Structures are given as C-alpha cells and as structure tokens.
Amino acid sequence: MSDITLTRVAAPNAPAVDKAIIYVDTADRRVKAKDDNGVISVLSPPDGESILTNGGFQIQQRVAQAATAIPGATTTTRAGQVADRWAVTTGNTTTVLWTRVDSGAAVETALNAKFYGRITQNTNAAKFILSQFLVNEQMAHLRGSKVRLSCKIKNFAGSNANYRLGLLQLTAAGTIDVCPAFISAIGGASVEPTWGTNLVAISPDTSPTGENGTISGVALTIASTANWVRSSAVFTIPLDAKNLCAVLYRDTIGGVSDSLGVAEIQMTQGTEIIDWRSPEFDTELARCQRYYCKTFAQGTVPVQNAGVNTGELKWVKVVAGATAGRMPTWNFPRPMWKTPVTVTTYNPAVANAQVRDQTNAVDCTVTTIVGSNDRQTALTFTGNAATVAEGLMSVHITADAELVA
C-alpha cells in the first residue's frame, strides 16, 4: 500500500463529464471533491463542535440584553459576568457596558450567529479582557493535541485598533479547577497583561499560519475594521495543562466611547478552519446550566420583587404561625459540575431575600439555604405570625458554580 499526498490548491475548475477531482482546499485546508457539475463536497468533515460554551452569546441569564453596566467588573478578576460562561475584566476604573444584540431582524453581513456581544467603554479610556475558563472535564482530552481558536470582531465606534486572541493554561503547579487571581496588571498600550500565578499564555503555532491576523509573541494580533472578519490561530495544548482559558483583549488603550462587537468565538479540535454553526438552544442552555441556573424565566434578570407567578418555587407550609418550615428540594435543571459556590434567594413580591407567604401577602423570616450539592438545594425558614396551615409559600433561587477569581 502506498500513501496519497495531496497538495493544497484553490478550488479547481469542474472536471470533464463523469469525472471528479479530490483536492485539499487552500482556503480552509479541507479535503474536498468536485464533480463534473461543479458541486463541491467536503470529505469526512469534522463535527465542528466547539469546546467553548456559549460562543454565540445566545444564553444570557444574569444581565439584561440592553446596554448594561457589567456587574462586578474589576481590574484584576474574572468577576464581571456577561453572557453565560463569559467574563469581562477592565483595565481602568471605568463603567464598561455590555450589550447582547439580536441580529435576527437586522441581519449583519458576514455574521452567521443570531447574537453578538458589544463591549463599550463608558467613562474612562481602558483596555479590557473577555475570557472563558474551561474546567478540566472540558479540556483534559485535548492535552498534546492541536486546537483552532477563532472569533469575529467588528469596530462599531472609535478608531480601529489591534486586539489579541490568545489561550492560557493553568500549569501543573496550579490547583485544578480553581481559577487563580486572573491578572496582576493589564499592561499599557501594546504591553501584554501580567497573568495570575500559574496562568501562562500558550504561544500560537507558526504553522498553520493565523487566519486574518498576525502571530506575534503569545497571541494572534487582529486589526478591527468596520466589517465582521473571522480570525483564528492554532495552539498546541501542553501535556501538563490542568485548565485552559480563552482570552480576547485589547492591545491598545481604548477611547471613552469605543465600542467593539464580538461574535462566533469557538475552539475546535484539530487545525482545520471551521465555519460557525449555532448549537440548538436547549443544548447550549443545558451546557450553561452546569455552571449557573435559576428559577426565573430565561429572559428575566434575577432580582428581588420580580412579581408573583414569574416561575418562582411554590409549596405549602404545614404548620401555622411563626414556626419552622422547610421548602421541598429544588432539583437543578441538570447536575451542576460541582456544588454551587453561591445559592441566592429572592422574594418574588418584595425587595428582600425572604420566603414569601403568598396566601397572606406577608414575608417569612430566617430564610436559610441548606443541603446543597451538585444536583439540588433546599431551604428552611420561619413562618409569619399570620401564616396559616396549608398557606402557599414561594421564593426564587439562583445557583452559581462559575469559575471566577
């Protein structure tokens, strides 16, 4: 048996009648066949499933879709949660706005995903970092293999600028599935961030070369334009990597009102360039709920006093009066990847965190989460003096197991 060696070429002309050509396309490095009618088929196409979660920003459980100041955004941590699994770190004391844009009604040229995110500087000039931290169960199979990290960006306001697309690893010296301090310094213009302890940038491979970008040092440099452009680079995952973290960050200091669109961030195994394909909503939601889930409707930001009959948990209290009560166990929509770090309660009818007695329109007291694990949680409380036997109780709950520093 002998090998067949194929040289990458541009798509050839259609062959003669009853003939077909097999070739490797220079554009995306895929093996393809072209028949006499000019029809091109990809041979053994990759499944294209992204290792990253929610790279199309279709799931956003924590913050509103409209332009919103990112809650918890700081200059050193990954605490600024936006679309699920994604966090924004800012390089200055500034109010950074996040907007999730639905392009379904106003189609964006060269964009395949329905949604995209916009990061807007609002009060001070600054750099920023958009990041997603992968737990070991997501990336262990990648050790020693190559992955392609890609994204699309578009400049909406301010001058065009350079951005950096990179991949970090938590080295063998780090603690598995524990996000360290993210950065100690974000750096000035054209200065690399100083990543946290045991977080090390993986330099992109020089071959295959980066797509619509320039490999420079430990990341791919991308120049923003007024159009959506896909950029990507290949990385080889170290054999001793414990965790990975995908990052997109500004290389220069952004102006006060600069606004960047980000879309279609994915990381696929192998070196091939993969076109974006939006996952099914319920599949992506289930992946996100491994890290964060809530009783609120998907389009409702968790808040106290959201209103009764908004999806809150309901049950009846057996004993009347200001006596001890317990909520039946709430089973999470799917098992979380670990016991949630934070479980928060929200009164659906009043601005506090107590269980609500809906029958008498009064609040209970001493609402306390108990018995949480990766599958479920429960709570205890003390009824109101007006509470009657078989009175209807209710509460909203969120469970958060996201990796933040």
Protein backbone atom coordinates (compact mmCIF):
# COMPACT_ATOMS: atom_id res chain seq x y z
CA MET A 1 0.00 0.00 0.00
CA SER A 2 1.26 3.47 -0.78
CA ASP A 3 0.30 6.90 0.55
CA ILE A 4 -1.57 9.56 -1.41
CA THR A 5 -0.14 13.05 -0.97
CA LEU A 6 -2.45 15.97 -1.75
CA THR A 7 -1.14 19.48 -2.26
CA ARG A 8 -3.33 22.40 -1.18
CA VAL A 9 -4.78 24.28 -4.14
CA ALA A 10 -7.53 26.78 -4.85
CA ALA A 11 -10.84 25.24 -5.91
CA PRO A 12 -10.20 23.81 -9.42
CA ASN A 13 -12.46 24.09 -12.43
CA ALA A 14 -15.10 21.41 -12.88
CA PRO A 15 -13.61 18.25 -14.43
CA ALA A 16 -14.75 16.53 -17.62
CA VAL A 17 -18.09 14.69 -17.80
CA ASP A 18 -18.28 11.65 -15.49
CA LYS A 19 -15.09 12.69 -13.69
CA ALA A 20 -14.39 14.04 -10.19
CA ILE A 21 -11.42 15.78 -8.59
CA ILE A 22 -10.24 15.27 -5.00
CA TYR A 23 -8.14 18.11 -3.57
CA VAL A 24 -7.21 19.97 -0.39
CA ASP A 25 -8.65 23.47 -0.47
CA THR A 26 -6.16 26.23 0.31
CA ALA A 27 -8.93 28.36 1.83
CA ASP A 28 -9.80 26.05 4.73
CA ARG A 29 -7.46 23.03 4.45
CA ARG A 30 -10.36 20.63 3.99
CA VAL A 31 -10.29 17.58 1.72
CA LYS A 32 -12.98 18.09 -0.93
CA ALA A 33 -14.37 16.52 -4.08
CA LYS A 34 -15.66 18.47 -7.08
CA ASP A 35 -17.82 16.72 -9.67
CA ASP A 36 -18.47 17.47 -13.33
CA ASN A 37 -21.42 19.68 -12.40
CA GLY A 38 -19.19 21.87 -10.25
CA VAL A 39 -20.72 20.61 -6.99
CA ILE A 40 -18.20 20.62 -4.12
CA SER A 41 -18.50 18.17 -1.23
CA VAL A 42 -16.38 18.04 1.92
CA LEU A 43 -14.98 14.57 2.54
CA SER A 44 -15.19 13.39 6.16
CA PRO A 45 -15.97 16.86 7.52
CA PRO A 46 -15.21 17.45 11.20
CA ASP A 47 -18.18 17.69 13.56
CA GLY A 48 -17.17 21.28 14.33
CA GLU A 49 -18.40 21.18 17.94
CA SER A 50 -16.80 23.94 19.96
CA ILE A 51 -15.08 23.13 23.23
CA LEU A 52 -16.03 26.60 24.42
CA THR A 53 -19.56 27.13 25.72
CA ASN A 54 -21.95 29.82 24.50
CA GLY A 55 -19.57 31.30 21.93
CA GLY A 56 -22.59 32.69 20.09
CA PHE A 57 -23.81 34.54 23.21
CA GLN A 58 -27.34 33.15 22.84
CA ILE A 59 -27.63 32.33 26.57
CA GLN A 60 -27.59 35.31 28.93
CA GLN A 61 -29.13 34.53 32.31
CA ARG A 62 -27.53 37.16 34.56
CA VAL A 63 -27.73 40.56 32.84
CA ALA A 64 -30.18 42.38 30.59
CA GLN A 65 -29.89 42.29 26.81
CA ALA A 66 -29.86 46.10 26.52
CA ALA A 67 -26.68 48.10 27.18
CA THR A 68 -25.92 47.41 30.83
CA ALA A 69 -23.07 48.25 33.18
CA ILE A 70 -21.29 44.95 33.78
CA PRO A 71 -21.93 43.96 37.41
CA GLY A 72 -18.81 43.11 39.37
CA ALA A 73 -16.32 44.08 36.64
CA THR A 74 -12.90 44.81 38.20
CA THR A 75 -9.32 45.47 37.12
CA THR A 76 -7.89 42.12 38.29
CA THR A 77 -10.57 39.41 38.36
CA ARG A 78 -12.95 37.44 36.15
CA ALA A 79 -15.95 38.51 38.24
CA GLY A 80 -17.63 40.61 35.53
CA GLN A 81 -20.08 38.01 34.22
CA VAL A 82 -21.91 38.89 31.00
CA ALA A 83 -23.29 36.21 28.65
CA ASP A 84 -23.10 32.83 30.36
CA ARG A 85 -19.54 31.49 30.86
CA TRP A 86 -18.00 34.81 29.73
CA ALA A 87 -16.47 37.50 31.93
CA VAL A 88 -15.06 40.97 31.25
CA THR A 89 -12.05 42.39 33.11
CA THR A 90 -11.37 46.11 32.67
CA GLY A 91 -8.02 47.87 32.70
CA ASN A 92 -9.16 51.01 34.47
CA THR A 93 -11.69 52.19 36.99
CA THR A 94 -14.44 52.62 34.45
CA THR A 95 -18.01 51.68 33.76
CA VAL A 96 -17.92 49.09 30.98
CA LEU A 97 -21.18 48.40 29.14
CA TRP A 98 -22.20 45.04 27.73
CA THR A 99 -24.94 44.69 25.10
CA ARG A 100 -26.22 41.44 23.67
CA VAL A 101 -27.53 42.28 20.20
CA ASP A 102 -30.10 40.17 18.35
CA SER A 103 -29.24 40.42 14.65
CA GLY A 104 -32.24 38.35 13.56
CA ALA A 105 -34.23 41.39 12.45
CA ALA A 106 -31.28 43.48 11.26
CA VAL A 107 -29.02 41.00 9.52
CA GLU A 108 -25.29 41.70 9.84
CA THR A 109 -23.22 40.97 6.73
CA ALA A 110 -20.72 38.10 7.21
CA LEU A 111 -22.25 37.09 10.56
CA ASN A 112 -23.62 33.56 10.90
CA ALA A 113 -24.71 33.68 14.55
CA LYS A 114 -28.01 35.28 15.56
CA PHE A 115 -26.50 37.14 18.52
CA TYR A 116 -23.33 39.06 19.20
CA GLY A 117 -21.92 41.00 22.13
CA ARG A 118 -20.76 44.61 22.27
CA ILE A 119 -18.26 45.94 24.81
CA THR A 120 -18.39 49.73 25.16
CA GLN A 121 -16.13 51.98 27.23
CA ASN A 122 -18.39 54.38 29.04
CA THR A 123 -16.47 56.61 31.48
CA ASN A 124 -12.69 56.25 31.09
CA ALA A 125 -10.22 55.08 28.46
CA ALA A 126 -9.14 51.50 29.14
CA LYS A 127 -8.18 48.08 27.88
CA PHE A 128 -10.38 45.05 28.54
CA ILE A 129 -10.19 41.26 28.56
CA LEU A 130 -13.06 38.95 27.57
CA SER A 131 -12.44 35.44 28.90
CA GLN A 132 -13.83 31.95 29.45
CA PHE A 133 -12.23 29.50 31.90
CA LEU A 134 -12.56 25.80 31.00
CA VAL A 135 -12.79 23.20 33.73
CA ASN A 136 -10.71 20.04 33.44
CA GLU A 137 -13.60 17.85 32.28
CA GLN A 138 -13.96 20.10 29.22
CA MET A 139 -10.31 20.10 28.14
CA ALA A 140 -8.49 17.03 29.51
CA HIS A 141 -8.88 15.17 26.21
CA LEU A 142 -7.08 17.99 24.39
CA ARG A 143 -3.68 17.57 26.07
CA GLY A 144 -0.98 17.09 23.47
CA SER A 145 -3.35 17.88 20.58
CA LYS A 146 -3.90 20.97 18.45
CA VAL A 147 -6.92 23.26 18.60
CA ARG A 148 -8.05 26.19 16.49
CA LEU A 149 -9.34 29.23 18.40
CA SER A 150 -11.36 31.70 16.33
CA CYS A 151 -13.62 34.71 16.66
CA LYS A 152 -15.18 37.52 14.67
CA ILE A 153 -14.88 41.18 15.67
CA LYS A 154 -16.24 44.43 14.28
CA ASN A 155 -15.50 48.03 15.22
CA PHE A 156 -18.70 50.00 15.97
CA ALA A 157 -17.35 53.24 17.46
CA GLY A 158 -13.96 54.89 17.88
CA SER A 159 -10.80 54.29 15.92
CA ASN A 160 -9.87 50.87 14.59
CA ALA A 161 -7.48 49.14 16.94
CA ASN A 162 -5.48 45.98 17.48
CA TYR A 163 -6.86 43.16 19.60
CA ARG A 164 -5.21 39.95 20.79
CA LEU A 165 -6.70 36.46 20.69
CA GLY A 166 -4.97 34.00 22.98
CA LEU A 167 -5.16 30.85 25.07
CA LEU A 168 -3.91 30.45 28.63
CA GLN A 169 -3.13 27.28 30.53
CA LEU A 170 -3.14 26.63 34.25
CA THR A 171 0.21 24.89 34.67
CA ALA A 172 0.92 21.74 36.63
CA ALA A 173 1.85 23.89 39.61
CA GLY A 174 -1.68 25.29 39.83
CA THR A 175 -4.69 23.83 41.62
CA ILE A 176 -7.01 22.04 39.20
CA ASP A 177 -10.41 23.65 38.60
CA VAL A 178 -9.60 26.63 40.79
CA CYS A 179 -9.37 29.94 38.94
CA PRO A 180 -6.35 31.82 40.32
CA ALA A 181 -6.07 35.58 40.57
CA PHE A 182 -6.65 36.43 36.91
CA ILE A 183 -4.18 39.25 36.31
CA SER A 184 -1.90 41.40 38.45
CA ALA A 185 -1.53 44.08 35.75
CA ILE A 186 -3.30 44.53 32.43
CA GLY A 187 -0.39 46.50 30.95
CA GLY A 188 -0.27 49.70 28.94
CA ALA A 189 -0.57 50.12 25.19
CA SER A 190 1.00 47.15 23.36
CA VAL A 191 2.08 45.63 26.68
CA GLU A 192 0.99 42.09 27.49
CA PRO A 193 -1.09 41.54 30.63
CA THR A 194 0.71 40.01 33.60
CA TRP A 195 -1.33 36.86 34.09
CA GLY A 196 -2.06 35.41 37.52
CA THR A 197 0.04 32.86 39.35
CA ASN A 198 0.50 29.65 37.32
CA LEU A 199 -1.50 31.09 34.40
CA VAL A 200 0.73 31.02 31.32
CA ALA A 201 -0.04 32.05 27.75
CA ILE A 202 0.38 29.31 25.12
CA SER A 203 2.13 30.70 22.04
CA PRO A 204 0.24 30.04 18.80
CA ASP A 205 1.76 27.62 16.31
CA THR A 206 3.53 29.34 13.43
CA SER A 207 2.22 26.66 11.07
CA PRO A 208 -0.57 26.60 10.09
CA THR A 209 -0.39 30.38 9.99
CA GLY A 210 -3.01 32.56 11.61
CA GLU A 211 -6.15 33.41 9.68
CA ASN A 212 -6.75 37.16 9.12
CA GLY A 213 -4.29 38.08 11.81
CA THR A 214 -0.61 38.09 12.66
CA ILE A 215 1.00 35.72 15.13
CA SER A 216 3.04 37.89 17.45
CA GLY A 217 4.54 36.56 20.67
CA VAL A 218 1.94 34.73 22.75
CA ALA A 219 -1.22 35.62 20.82
CA LEU A 220 -2.78 36.43 17.46
CA THR A 221 -2.96 40.16 16.74
CA ILE A 222 -6.19 41.19 14.97
CA ALA A 223 -6.87 44.62 13.47
CA SER A 224 -10.51 45.65 13.89
CA THR A 225 -12.41 47.08 10.94
CA ALA A 226 -15.94 48.29 10.23
CA ASN A 227 -16.82 44.79 8.99
CA TRP A 228 -17.18 41.40 10.62
CA VAL A 229 -13.98 39.43 9.96
CA ARG A 230 -13.13 35.96 11.25
CA SER A 231 -9.64 35.49 12.68
CA SER A 232 -8.10 32.31 14.07
CA ALA A 233 -4.90 30.62 15.16
CA VAL A 234 -3.78 27.10 16.05
CA PHE A 235 -2.46 26.22 19.52
CA THR A 236 -0.82 23.02 20.79
CA ILE A 237 -2.12 22.13 24.26
CA PRO A 238 0.69 21.25 26.71
CA LEU A 239 0.65 17.72 28.12
CA ASP A 240 0.56 19.03 31.70
CA ALA A 241 -2.17 21.67 31.29
CA LYS A 242 -4.74 21.47 34.10
CA ASN A 243 -7.17 24.09 32.83
CA LEU A 244 -7.48 26.41 29.84
CA CYS A 245 -8.74 29.97 29.49
CA ALA A 246 -9.62 31.59 26.15
CA VAL A 247 -8.99 35.35 26.07
CA LEU A 248 -9.69 38.24 23.71
CA TYR A 249 -8.16 41.52 24.84
CA ARG A 250 -7.49 45.00 23.54
CA ASP A 251 -3.83 45.70 22.73
CA THR A 252 -4.10 49.49 22.88
CA ILE A 253 -5.87 51.87 25.24
CA GLY A 254 -9.48 52.32 24.14
CA GLY A 255 -11.18 55.69 23.97
CA VAL A 256 -14.02 56.67 26.30
CA SER A 257 -16.79 55.67 23.86
CA ASP A 258 -15.03 52.94 21.87
CA SER A 259 -17.33 50.01 21.11
CA LEU A 260 -16.33 46.59 19.80
CA GLY A 261 -18.59 43.81 18.55
CA VAL A 262 -17.59 40.22 19.33
CA ALA A 263 -19.17 37.10 17.82
CA GLU A 264 -18.76 33.43 16.99
CA ILE A 265 -15.96 32.59 19.42
CA GLN A 266 -15.15 28.90 19.19
CA MET A 267 -12.35 26.45 19.84
CA THR A 268 -12.36 23.23 17.83
CA GLN A 269 -10.05 20.25 17.97
CA GLY A 270 -7.68 20.00 15.01
CA THR A 271 -6.19 22.58 12.67
CA GLU A 272 -8.99 22.95 10.13
CA ILE A 273 -10.85 26.24 9.75
CA ILE A 274 -14.42 25.54 10.82
CA ASP A 275 -17.42 27.64 9.82
CA TRP A 276 -19.66 28.73 12.69
CA ARG A 277 -22.74 26.63 13.32
CA SER A 278 -25.11 27.74 16.08
CA PRO A 279 -25.93 24.96 18.55
CA GLU A 280 -29.52 24.09 19.42
CA PHE A 281 -30.77 26.47 22.12
CA ASP A 282 -31.69 23.73 24.59
CA THR A 283 -28.30 22.04 24.13
CA GLU A 284 -26.40 25.26 24.81
CA LEU A 285 -28.66 26.15 27.73
CA ALA A 286 -28.02 22.75 29.30
CA ARG A 287 -24.26 23.31 28.99
CA CYS A 288 -24.58 26.72 30.65
CA GLN A 289 -26.75 25.33 33.46
CA ARG A 290 -23.82 23.18 34.55
CA TYR A 291 -22.40 26.47 35.88
CA TYR A 292 -25.42 28.68 36.60
CA CYS A 293 -29.15 28.06 36.84
CA LYS A 294 -32.19 29.93 38.08
CA THR A 295 -35.94 29.67 38.65
CA PHE A 296 -36.57 32.89 36.71
CA ALA A 297 -37.59 32.82 33.05
CA GLN A 298 -34.59 32.89 30.71
CA GLY A 299 -35.28 36.48 29.68
CA THR A 300 -35.62 37.73 33.27
CA VAL A 301 -32.61 39.06 35.15
CA PRO A 302 -32.64 37.67 38.71
CA VAL A 303 -33.96 40.36 41.02
CA GLN A 304 -35.95 40.73 44.21
CA ASN A 305 -39.59 41.74 43.74
CA ALA A 306 -39.81 40.32 40.18
CA GLY A 307 -43.50 39.64 40.78
CA VAL A 308 -45.57 36.65 41.83
CA ASN A 309 -46.30 33.92 39.30
CA THR A 310 -43.00 34.56 37.49
CA GLY A 311 -41.73 30.99 37.77
CA GLU A 312 -40.88 31.03 41.47
CA LEU A 313 -40.89 27.80 43.50
CA LYS A 314 -44.14 27.21 45.42
CA TRP A 315 -45.16 24.87 48.23
CA VAL A 316 -47.46 24.81 51.25
CA LYS A 317 -46.47 25.21 54.91
CA VAL A 318 -47.88 22.50 57.10
CA VAL A 319 -47.88 24.28 60.48
CA ALA A 320 -49.39 27.75 61.01
CA GLY A 321 -47.74 30.78 62.61
CA ALA A 322 -44.14 31.85 63.16
CA THR A 323 -42.88 28.29 63.25
CA ALA A 324 -40.12 26.44 61.42
CA GLY A 325 -40.78 25.42 57.83
CA ARG A 326 -38.86 23.76 55.02
CA MET A 327 -39.07 24.06 51.26
CA PRO A 328 -39.15 20.79 49.32
CA THR A 329 -35.89 20.08 47.49
CA TRP A 330 -35.33 22.03 44.27
CA ASN A 331 -33.67 19.75 41.73
CA PHE A 332 -31.46 21.73 39.37
CA PRO A 333 -32.42 21.59 35.66
CA ARG A 334 -29.36 19.38 35.21
CA PRO A 335 -26.50 18.33 37.51
CA MET A 336 -24.00 21.16 38.02
CA TRP A 337 -20.31 20.46 37.52
CA LYS A 338 -19.80 20.92 41.27
CA THR A 339 -21.76 22.04 44.32
CA PRO A 340 -22.64 25.69 43.64
CA VAL A 341 -20.46 28.21 45.45
CA THR A 342 -23.37 30.62 45.89
CA VAL A 343 -27.10 29.91 46.23
CA THR A 344 -29.19 33.09 46.45
CA THR A 345 -32.85 33.57 47.37
CA TYR A 346 -35.16 36.31 46.06
CA ASN A 347 -38.54 37.31 47.44
CA PRO A 348 -40.84 37.45 44.38
CA ALA A 349 -43.15 40.12 45.85
CA VAL A 350 -40.97 42.44 47.98
CA ALA A 351 -37.38 43.72 47.79
CA ASN A 352 -35.76 41.27 50.19
CA ALA A 353 -34.41 37.71 50.22
CA GLN A 354 -37.09 36.08 52.40
CA VAL A 355 -39.63 33.40 51.58
CA ARG A 356 -42.98 34.97 50.71
CA ASP A 357 -46.28 33.89 52.25
CA GLN A 358 -48.48 34.44 49.20
CA THR A 359 -51.70 33.44 50.91
CA ASN A 360 -51.49 36.33 53.39
CA ALA A 361 -49.21 38.64 51.36
CA VAL A 362 -46.61 38.80 54.15
CA ASP A 363 -42.95 37.87 54.47
CA CYS A 364 -41.40 35.00 56.37
CA THR A 365 -38.05 35.28 58.16
CA VAL A 366 -34.75 33.41 58.69
CA THR A 367 -34.62 32.07 55.12
CA THR A 368 -31.56 29.77 55.06
CA ILE A 369 -30.18 27.58 52.26
CA VAL A 370 -29.46 24.00 53.39
CA GLY A 371 -28.41 20.69 51.87
CA SER A 372 -26.91 21.92 48.60
CA ASN A 373 -24.99 19.53 46.37
CA ASP A 374 -24.38 19.29 42.62
CA ARG A 375 -27.95 18.08 41.95
CA GLN A 376 -30.20 20.02 44.30
CA THR A 377 -30.72 22.53 47.07
CA ALA A 378 -33.32 23.25 49.76
CA LEU A 379 -34.04 25.88 52.40
CA THR A 380 -35.52 26.36 55.84
CA PHE A 381 -37.44 29.40 57.06
CA THR A 382 -39.66 30.69 59.84
CA GLY A 383 -43.25 31.45 59.00
CA ASN A 384 -45.02 34.75 59.64
CA ALA A 385 -47.35 35.12 62.62
CA ALA A 386 -50.16 35.43 60.06
CA THR A 387 -49.21 32.23 58.25
CA VAL A 388 -52.00 29.64 58.21
CA ALA A 389 -51.74 25.89 57.86
CA GLU A 390 -51.57 24.91 54.18
CA GLY A 391 -50.65 28.51 53.30
CA LEU A 392 -48.86 28.97 49.98
CA MET A 393 -45.14 29.86 50.24
CA SER A 394 -42.84 30.93 47.37
CA VAL A 395 -39.30 32.03 46.54
CA HIS A 396 -36.96 32.48 43.56
CA ILE A 397 -33.48 30.91 43.65
CA THR A 398 -30.25 31.09 41.66
CA ALA A 399 -27.34 28.64 41.93
CA ASP A 400 -23.87 29.73 40.79
CA ALA A 401 -20.88 27.41 40.28
CA GLU A 402 -18.99 29.58 37.79
CA LEU A 403 -15.19 29.72 37.98
CA VAL A 404 -14.26 33.28 38.99
CA ALA A 405 -11.26 34.76 40.73
